[in-house]
Amino acid sequence: MTHPISSSANQSVNIAENLHQIQRNITEFCQRYNRNPDQVQLLAVSKTKPAADIRAAFAAGQTHFGENYLQEALTKISEINEDSIVWHFIGAIQSNKTRDLAEHFDWVHSVDRLKIARRLSEQRPANMPALNICLEVNISEEASKAGLSLNQLEEMAAEIMPLPNIRLRGLMAIPAKADSLQQQRAIFSQLKQALLKLQIKYPQLDTLSMGMSNDMEAAIAEGSTIVRIGTAIFGARNT
């Protein structure tokens, strides 16, 4: 089944309103914690949503979109065909899918193996700018989640930095749910401290991809530069 070319008027309005409300929230949290709102990028997580919803968000001024599922993302990227959109891949990476990631995305947030970084570097087309990547950290040390441990980061960064065609920007994490703002901040603080440690040797690192709808305030308080928001923009996930 194909999706319609455009959303209904009401749906477009709701997406626009939701985006504006989230931007207001980002600004409020930045003011609360002495951050510059311009240093926090809203990443609209559009997984399972039709191209029409992305178009509605783009029409409302949103340019950064995050996708988890490669084949679904490639279909939407081809259908929308908008050079102004910045595409982020934030899902699990299979080795046999790295060529498509290297050829069609601007950012990959979920790198946790040297093999993946090498393949992305080798397969990035020469006519495209370097692919921005983040190292995914299993910050809550959950057995069910992918990601590097904190003590693996320095060695991984040292291996990745010399690779051509990719640009290591920073760290990404999806922590376990915490019950309070203080607990959320304590977890995100570990990622912030890890980045500060890496910046001693690699001052060009500038990205903390952390924070979603339920922990955005804590993430911004601890220095997040990219917050990943889906349901609060587009509504409940399509199945």
C-alpha atoms as a PDB file:
ATOM      1  CA  MET A   1       0.000   0.000   0.000  1.00  0.00           C
ATOM      2  CA  THR A   2       1.354   3.411  -0.937  1.00  0.00           C
ATOM      3  CA  HIS A   3       1.045   6.432   1.295  1.00  0.00           C
ATOM      4  CA  PRO A   4      -0.731   9.576   0.089  1.00  0.00           C
ATOM      5  CA  ILE A   5       1.363  12.381  -1.288  1.00  0.00           C
ATOM      6  CA  SER A   6       0.287  14.823   1.405  1.00  0.00           C
ATOM      7  CA  SER A   7      -1.129  14.671   4.901  1.00  0.00           C
ATOM      8  CA  SER A   8      -4.593  15.896   5.688  1.00  0.00           C
ATOM      9  CA  ALA A   9      -4.779  19.550   6.657  1.00  0.00           C
ATOM     10  CA  ASN A  10      -5.461  18.716  10.298  1.00  0.00           C
ATOM     11  CA  GLN A  11      -2.578  16.292  10.477  1.00  0.00           C
ATOM     12  CA  SER A  12      -0.211  18.875   9.008  1.00  0.00           C
ATOM     13  CA  VAL A  13      -1.364  21.470  11.502  1.00  0.00           C
ATOM     14  CA  ASN A  14      -0.899  19.081  14.420  1.00  0.00           C
ATOM     15  CA  ILE A  15       2.623  18.148  13.378  1.00  0.00           C
ATOM     16  CA  ALA A  16       3.524  21.821  12.992  1.00  0.00           C
ATOM     17  CA  GLU A  17       1.998  22.659  16.375  1.00  0.00           C
ATOM     18  CA  ASN A  18       3.792  19.767  18.019  1.00  0.00           C
ATOM     19  CA  LEU A  19       7.124  20.857  16.564  1.00  0.00           C
ATOM     20  CA  HIS A  20       6.654  24.404  17.757  1.00  0.00           C
ATOM     21  CA  GLN A  21       5.746  23.214  21.253  1.00  0.00           C
ATOM     22  CA  ILE A  22       8.838  21.013  21.473  1.00  0.00           C
ATOM     23  CA  GLN A  23      11.021  23.878  20.315  1.00  0.00           C
ATOM     24  CA  ARG A  24       9.485  26.018  23.048  1.00  0.00           C
ATOM     25  CA  ASN A  25      10.279  23.272  25.556  1.00  0.00           C
ATOM     26  CA  ILE A  26      13.869  23.089  24.339  1.00  0.00           C
ATOM     27  CA  THR A  27      14.227  26.844  24.722  1.00  0.00           C
ATOM     28  CA  GLU A  28      12.706  26.743  28.218  1.00  0.00           C
ATOM     29  CA  PHE A  29      15.025  23.940  29.372  1.00  0.00           C
ATOM     30  CA  CYS A  30      18.054  25.672  27.877  1.00  0.00           C
ATOM     31  CA  GLN A  31      17.214  28.866  29.735  1.00  0.00           C
ATOM     32  CA  ARG A  32      16.712  26.888  32.948  1.00  0.00           C
ATOM     33  CA  TYR A  33      20.162  25.312  32.688  1.00  0.00           C
ATOM     34  CA  ASN A  34      22.076  28.207  31.117  1.00  0.00           C
ATOM     35  CA  ARG A  35      22.356  26.599  27.691  1.00  0.00           C
ATOM     36  CA  ASN A  36      22.146  28.268  24.298  1.00  0.00           C
ATOM     37  CA  PRO A  37      19.048  26.909  22.479  1.00  0.00           C
ATOM     38  CA  ASP A  38      20.936  27.150  19.187  1.00  0.00           C
ATOM     39  CA  GLN A  39      23.270  24.418  20.459  1.00  0.00           C
ATOM     40  CA  VAL A  40      20.481  21.828  20.775  1.00  0.00           C
ATOM     41  CA  GLN A  41      19.295  20.240  17.530  1.00  0.00           C
ATOM     42  CA  LEU A  42      15.834  18.683  17.428  1.00  0.00           C
ATOM     43  CA  LEU A  43      15.961  15.373  15.573  1.00  0.00           C
ATOM     44  CA  ALA A  44      12.471  14.285  14.470  1.00  0.00           C
ATOM     45  CA  VAL A  45      12.334  10.494  14.704  1.00  0.00           C
ATOM     46  CA  SER A  46      10.125   9.500  11.791  1.00  0.00           C
ATOM     47  CA  LYS A  47      10.363   5.701  11.900  1.00  0.00           C
ATOM     48  CA  THR A  48       7.143   3.946  10.804  1.00  0.00           C
ATOM     49  CA  LYS A  49       5.696   7.300   9.682  1.00  0.00           C
ATOM     50  CA  PRO A  50       4.781   7.977   6.054  1.00  0.00           C
ATOM     51  CA  ALA A  51       6.622  10.378   3.800  1.00  0.00           C
ATOM     52  CA  ALA A  52       3.619  12.702   4.020  1.00  0.00           C
ATOM     53  CA  ASP A  53       4.273  13.266   7.721  1.00  0.00           C
ATOM     54  CA  ILE A  54       7.907  14.090   7.041  1.00  0.00           C
ATOM     55  CA  ARG A  55       6.809  16.556   4.374  1.00  0.00           C
ATOM     56  CA  ALA A  56       4.437  18.182   6.860  1.00  0.00           C
ATOM     57  CA  ALA A  57       7.234  18.540   9.401  1.00  0.00           C
ATOM     58  CA  PHE A  58       9.613  19.837   6.744  1.00  0.00           C
ATOM     59  CA  ALA A  59       7.040  22.424   5.687  1.00  0.00           C
ATOM     60  CA  ALA A  60       6.957  23.554   9.325  1.00  0.00           C
ATOM     61  CA  GLY A  61      10.716  24.130   9.291  1.00  0.00           C
ATOM     62  CA  GLN A  62      12.085  20.798  10.542  1.00  0.00           C
ATOM     63  CA  THR A  63      15.104  19.623   8.551  1.00  0.00           C
ATOM     64  CA  HIS A  64      16.712  16.829  10.608  1.00  0.00           C
ATOM     65  CA  PHE A  65      14.998  13.419  10.550  1.00  0.00           C
ATOM     66  CA  GLY A  66      15.994  10.161  12.226  1.00  0.00           C
ATOM     67  CA  GLU A  67      15.210   6.677  10.939  1.00  0.00           C
ATOM     68  CA  ASN A  68      15.688   3.262  12.577  1.00  0.00           C
ATOM     69  CA  TYR A  69      14.824   0.836   9.774  1.00  0.00           C
ATOM     70  CA  LEU A  70      16.998   0.966   6.688  1.00  0.00           C
ATOM     71  CA  GLN A  71      14.676  -0.286   3.949  1.00  0.00           C
ATOM     72  CA  GLU A  72      11.818   1.899   5.159  1.00  0.00           C
ATOM     73  CA  ALA A  73      14.169   4.879   5.307  1.00  0.00           C
ATOM     74  CA  LEU A  74      15.540   4.332   1.809  1.00  0.00           C
ATOM     75  CA  THR A  75      12.015   4.275   0.393  1.00  0.00           C
ATOM     76  CA  LYS A  76      11.179   7.577   2.070  1.00  0.00           C
ATOM     77  CA  ILE A  77      14.467   9.228   1.129  1.00  0.00           C
ATOM     78  CA  SER A  78      13.848   8.314  -2.516  1.00  0.00           C
ATOM     79  CA  GLU A  79      10.208   9.387  -2.455  1.00  0.00           C
ATOM     80  CA  ILE A  80      10.814  12.725  -0.752  1.00  0.00           C
ATOM     81  CA  ASN A  81      14.028  13.542  -2.663  1.00  0.00           C
ATOM     82  CA  GLU A  82      14.716  16.757  -0.782  1.00  0.00           C
ATOM     83  CA  ASP A  83      18.349  17.880  -0.627  1.00  0.00           C
ATOM     84  CA  SER A  84      17.690  20.201   2.309  1.00  0.00           C
ATOM     85  CA  ILE A  85      16.782  17.311   4.622  1.00  0.00           C
ATOM     86  CA  VAL A  86      19.531  15.966   6.863  1.00  0.00           C
ATOM     87  CA  TRP A  87      19.035  12.222   7.329  1.00  0.00           C
ATOM     88  CA  HIS A  88      20.214  10.498  10.513  1.00  0.00           C
ATOM     89  CA  PHE A  89      20.330   6.726  11.000  1.00  0.00           C
ATOM     90  CA  ILE A  90      19.784   5.812  14.649  1.00  0.00           C
ATOM     91  CA  GLY A  91      19.007   2.084  14.489  1.00  0.00           C
ATOM     92  CA  ALA A  92      20.962  -1.133  14.797  1.00  0.00           C
ATOM     93  CA  ILE A  93      23.527  -1.635  12.024  1.00  0.00           C
ATOM     94  CA  GLN A  94      24.024  -4.859  10.119  1.00  0.00           C
ATOM     95  CA  SER A  95      27.354  -5.240   8.332  1.00  0.00           C
ATOM     96  CA  ASN A  96      25.704  -5.986   4.994  1.00  0.00           C
ATOM     97  CA  LYS A  97      23.750  -2.717   5.127  1.00  0.00           C
ATOM     98  CA  THR A  98      26.643  -0.300   5.564  1.00  0.00           C
ATOM     99  CA  ARG A  99      26.888   0.604   1.866  1.00  0.00           C
ATOM    100  CA  ASP A 100      23.339   1.967   1.843  1.00  0.00           C
ATOM    101  CA  LEU A 101      24.032   3.895   5.041  1.00  0.00           C
ATOM    102  CA  ALA A 102      27.230   5.343   3.591  1.00  0.00           C
ATOM    103  CA  GLU A 103      25.507   6.367   0.365  1.00  0.00           C
ATOM    104  CA  HIS A 104      22.249   7.851   1.654  1.00  0.00           C
ATOM    105  CA  PHE A 105      22.696   9.301   5.161  1.00  0.00           C
ATOM    106  CA  ASP A 106      24.383  12.367   6.605  1.00  0.00           C
ATOM    107  CA  TRP A 107      24.722  10.988  10.143  1.00  0.00           C
ATOM    108  CA  VAL A 108      24.970   7.519  11.698  1.00  0.00           C
ATOM    109  CA  HIS A 109      24.482   7.582  15.480  1.00  0.00           C
ATOM    110  CA  SER A 110      24.754   3.898  16.299  1.00  0.00           C
ATOM    111  CA  VAL A 111      28.341   2.844  15.543  1.00  0.00           C
ATOM    112  CA  ASP A 112      29.623   0.393  18.156  1.00  0.00           C
ATOM    113  CA  ARG A 113      32.098  -1.753  16.202  1.00  0.00           C
ATOM    114  CA  LEU A 114      35.321  -0.900  14.419  1.00  0.00           C
ATOM    115  CA  LYS A 115      34.275  -3.158  11.535  1.00  0.00           C
ATOM    116  CA  ILE A 116      31.205  -0.980  10.940  1.00  0.00           C
ATOM    117  CA  ALA A 117      33.226   2.243  11.035  1.00  0.00           C
ATOM    118  CA  ARG A 118      35.732   0.847   8.536  1.00  0.00           C
ATOM    119  CA  ARG A 119      33.011  -0.257   6.146  1.00  0.00           C
ATOM    120  CA  LEU A 120      31.267   3.118   6.350  1.00  0.00           C
ATOM    121  CA  SER A 121      34.578   4.830   5.600  1.00  0.00           C
ATOM    122  CA  GLU A 122      35.374   2.547   2.660  1.00  0.00           C
ATOM    123  CA  GLN A 123      31.892   2.781   1.171  1.00  0.00           C
ATOM    124  CA  ARG A 124      31.259   6.525   1.520  1.00  0.00           C
ATOM    125  CA  PRO A 125      31.132   7.944  -2.033  1.00  0.00           C
ATOM    126  CA  ALA A 126      34.065  10.190  -2.871  1.00  0.00           C
ATOM    127  CA  ASN A 127      31.793  12.992  -4.062  1.00  0.00           C
ATOM    128  CA  MET A 128      29.983  13.254  -0.718  1.00  0.00           C
ATOM    129  CA  PRO A 129      31.167  15.057   2.421  1.00  0.00           C
ATOM    130  CA  ALA A 130      32.478  12.962   5.292  1.00  0.00           C
ATOM    131  CA  LEU A 131      29.804  10.908   7.041  1.00  0.00           C
ATOM    132  CA  ASN A 132      29.174  12.146  10.584  1.00  0.00           C
ATOM    133  CA  ILE A 133      29.155   9.330  13.122  1.00  0.00           C
ATOM    134  CA  CYS A 134      28.592   8.905  16.839  1.00  0.00           C
ATOM    135  CA  LEU A 135      29.742   6.036  19.022  1.00  0.00           C
ATOM    136  CA  GLU A 136      26.824   4.314  20.716  1.00  0.00           C
ATOM    137  CA  VAL A 137      27.410   3.787  24.426  1.00  0.00           C
ATOM    138  CA  ASN A 138      25.528   1.210  26.505  1.00  0.00           C
ATOM    139  CA  ILE A 139      25.451   3.716  29.331  1.00  0.00           C
ATOM    140  CA  SER A 140      23.172   1.659  31.599  1.00  0.00           C
ATOM    141  CA  GLU A 141      25.088  -1.566  30.876  1.00  0.00           C
ATOM    142  CA  GLU A 142      21.953  -3.399  29.755  1.00  0.00           C
ATOM    143  CA  ALA A 143      22.561  -6.901  28.412  1.00  0.00           C
ATOM    144  CA  SER A 144      19.741  -6.496  25.888  1.00  0.00           C
ATOM    145  CA  LYS A 145      21.224  -3.367  24.284  1.00  0.00           C
ATOM    146  CA  ALA A 146      24.043  -2.789  21.852  1.00  0.00           C
ATOM    147  CA  GLY A 147      26.750  -0.254  22.496  1.00  0.00           C
ATOM    148  CA  LEU A 148      30.247   0.210  23.828  1.00  0.00           C
ATOM    149  CA  SER A 149      31.130   0.352  27.480  1.00  0.00           C
ATOM    150  CA  LEU A 150      32.632   3.575  28.799  1.00  0.00           C
ATOM    151  CA  ASN A 151      36.058   1.973  29.166  1.00  0.00           C
ATOM    152  CA  GLN A 152      36.118   1.019  25.463  1.00  0.00           C
ATOM    153  CA  LEU A 153      35.659   4.539  24.136  1.00  0.00           C
ATOM    154  CA  GLU A 154      39.246   5.805  24.104  1.00  0.00           C
ATOM    155  CA  GLU A 155      40.554   2.793  22.199  1.00  0.00           C
ATOM    156  CA  MET A 156      37.674   2.916  19.712  1.00  0.00           C
ATOM    157  CA  ALA A 157      38.097   6.649  19.109  1.00  0.00           C
ATOM    158  CA  ALA A 158      41.817   6.182  18.480  1.00  0.00           C
ATOM    159  CA  GLU A 159      41.059   3.498  15.860  1.00  0.00           C
ATOM    160  CA  ILE A 160      38.348   5.525  14.123  1.00  0.00           C
ATOM    161  CA  MET A 161      39.956   8.965  13.983  1.00  0.00           C
ATOM    162  CA  PRO A 162      42.415   8.143  11.160  1.00  0.00           C
ATOM    163  CA  LEU A 163      39.735   6.652   8.909  1.00  0.00           C
ATOM    164  CA  PRO A 164      38.963   8.768   5.834  1.00  0.00           C
ATOM    165  CA  ASN A 165      35.457   9.716   4.671  1.00  0.00           C
ATOM    166  CA  ILE A 166      33.888   9.581   8.137  1.00  0.00           C
ATOM    167  CA  ARG A 167      33.973  12.168  10.881  1.00  0.00           C
ATOM    168  CA  LEU A 168      33.637  11.136  14.512  1.00  0.00           C
ATOM    169  CA  ARG A 169      31.420  13.773  16.137  1.00  0.00           C
ATOM    170  CA  GLY A 170      30.679  12.386  19.592  1.00  0.00           C
ATOM    171  CA  LEU A 171      28.608   9.934  21.612  1.00  0.00           C
ATOM    172  CA  MET A 172      25.058   8.582  21.614  1.00  0.00           C
ATOM    173  CA  ALA A 173      23.144   6.676  24.286  1.00  0.00           C
ATOM    174  CA  ILE A 174      19.686   5.320  25.044  1.00  0.00           C
ATOM    175  CA  PRO A 175      19.718   4.808  28.820  1.00  0.00           C
ATOM    176  CA  ALA A 176      17.407   2.629  30.854  1.00  0.00           C
ATOM    177  CA  LYS A 177      14.335   4.388  32.179  1.00  0.00           C
ATOM    178  CA  ALA A 178      14.890   6.282  35.401  1.00  0.00           C
ATOM    179  CA  ASP A 179      12.236   7.380  37.888  1.00  0.00           C
ATOM    180  CA  SER A 180      13.332  10.943  38.586  1.00  0.00           C
ATOM    181  CA  LEU A 181      15.010  13.914  36.966  1.00  0.00           C
ATOM    182  CA  GLN A 182      17.965  13.494  39.312  1.00  0.00           C
ATOM    183  CA  GLN A 183      18.441   9.845  38.321  1.00  0.00           C
ATOM    184  CA  GLN A 184      18.145  10.723  34.644  1.00  0.00           C
ATOM    185  CA  ARG A 185      20.730  13.472  35.033  1.00  0.00           C
ATOM    186  CA  ALA A 186      23.120  11.131  36.847  1.00  0.00           C
ATOM    187  CA  ILE A 187      23.056   8.713  33.919  1.00  0.00           C
ATOM    188  CA  PHE A 188      23.472  11.408  31.265  1.00  0.00           C
ATOM    189  CA  SER A 189      26.257  12.980  33.306  1.00  0.00           C
ATOM    190  CA  GLN A 190      28.334   9.835  32.746  1.00  0.00           C
ATOM    191  CA  LEU A 191      28.084  10.332  28.984  1.00  0.00           C
ATOM    192  CA  LYS A 192      28.934  14.010  29.318  1.00  0.00           C
ATOM    193  CA  GLN A 193      32.021  13.205  31.387  1.00  0.00           C
ATOM    194  CA  ALA A 194      33.061  10.569  28.843  1.00  0.00           C
ATOM    195  CA  LEU A 195      32.885  13.139  26.053  1.00  0.00           C
ATOM    196  CA  LEU A 196      34.831  15.699  28.087  1.00  0.00           C
ATOM    197  CA  LYS A 197      37.541  13.082  28.634  1.00  0.00           C
ATOM    198  CA  LEU A 198      37.718  12.330  24.902  1.00  0.00           C
ATOM    199  CA  GLN A 199      37.808  16.058  24.080  1.00  0.00           C
ATOM    200  CA  ILE A 200      41.141  16.389  25.883  1.00  0.00           C
ATOM    201  CA  LYS A 201      42.712  14.431  23.025  1.00  0.00           C
ATOM    202  CA  TYR A 202      40.099  15.159  20.347  1.00  0.00           C
ATOM    203  CA  PRO A 203      38.804  18.721  20.902  1.00  0.00           C
ATOM    204  CA  GLN A 204      36.869  18.608  17.640  1.00  0.00           C
ATOM    205  CA  LEU A 205      34.276  16.272  19.178  1.00  0.00           C
ATOM    206  CA  ASP A 206      31.121  18.301  19.715  1.00  0.00           C
ATOM    207  CA  THR A 207      28.078  16.014  19.883  1.00  0.00           C
ATOM    208  CA  LEU A 208      26.042  14.346  22.613  1.00  0.00           C
ATOM    209  CA  SER A 209      23.072  12.573  21.045  1.00  0.00           C
ATOM    210  CA  MET A 210      20.917  11.878  24.079  1.00  0.00           C
ATOM    211  CA  GLY A 211      17.417  12.576  25.319  1.00  0.00           C
ATOM    212  CA  MET A 212      13.958  11.617  24.146  1.00  0.00           C
ATOM    213  CA  SER A 213      10.454  12.742  25.036  1.00  0.00           C
ATOM    214  CA  ASN A 214      10.512  11.462  28.619  1.00  0.00           C
ATOM    215  CA  ASP A 215      14.020  12.583  29.579  1.00  0.00           C
ATOM    216  CA  MET A 216      14.713  15.598  27.373  1.00  0.00           C
ATOM    217  CA  GLU A 217      15.046  18.026  30.275  1.00  0.00           C
ATOM    218  CA  ALA A 218      17.676  15.904  32.005  1.00  0.00           C
ATOM    219  CA  ALA A 219      19.569  15.442  28.744  1.00  0.00           C
ATOM    220  CA  ILE A 220      19.636  19.167  28.013  1.00  0.00           C
ATOM    221  CA  ALA A 221      20.700  19.873  31.591  1.00  0.00           C
ATOM    222  CA  GLU A 222      23.687  17.563  31.046  1.00  0.00           C
ATOM    223  CA  GLY A 223      24.782  18.996  27.716  1.00  0.00           C
ATOM    224  CA  SER A 224      22.837  17.178  25.004  1.00  0.00           C
ATOM    225  CA  THR A 225      23.326  18.676  21.545  1.00  0.00           C
ATOM    226  CA  ILE A 226      20.828  16.405  19.727  1.00  0.00           C
ATOM    227  CA  VAL A 227      17.502  15.330  21.239  1.00  0.00           C
ATOM    228  CA  ARG A 228      15.619  12.553  19.456  1.00  0.00           C
ATOM    229  CA  ILE A 229      11.839  13.056  19.557  1.00  0.00           C
ATOM    230  CA  GLY A 230       9.258  10.914  17.750  1.00  0.00           C
ATOM    231  CA  THR A 231       5.831  10.329  19.282  1.00  0.00           C
ATOM    232  CA  ALA A 232       5.516  13.862  20.634  1.00  0.00           C
ATOM    233  CA  ILE A 233       5.813  15.132  17.044  1.00  0.00           C
ATOM    234  CA  PHE A 234       4.084  12.501  14.928  1.00  0.00           C
ATOM    235  CA  GLY A 235       1.774  10.728  17.371  1.00  0.00           C
ATOM    236  CA  ALA A 236       1.740   7.065  18.312  1.00  0.00           C
ATOM    237  CA  ARG A 237       3.895   4.716  16.291  1.00  0.00           C
ATOM    238  CA  ASN A 238       2.317   3.099  13.243  1.00  0.00           C
ATOM    239  CA  THR A 239       2.481  -0.701  13.322  1.00  0.00           C
END
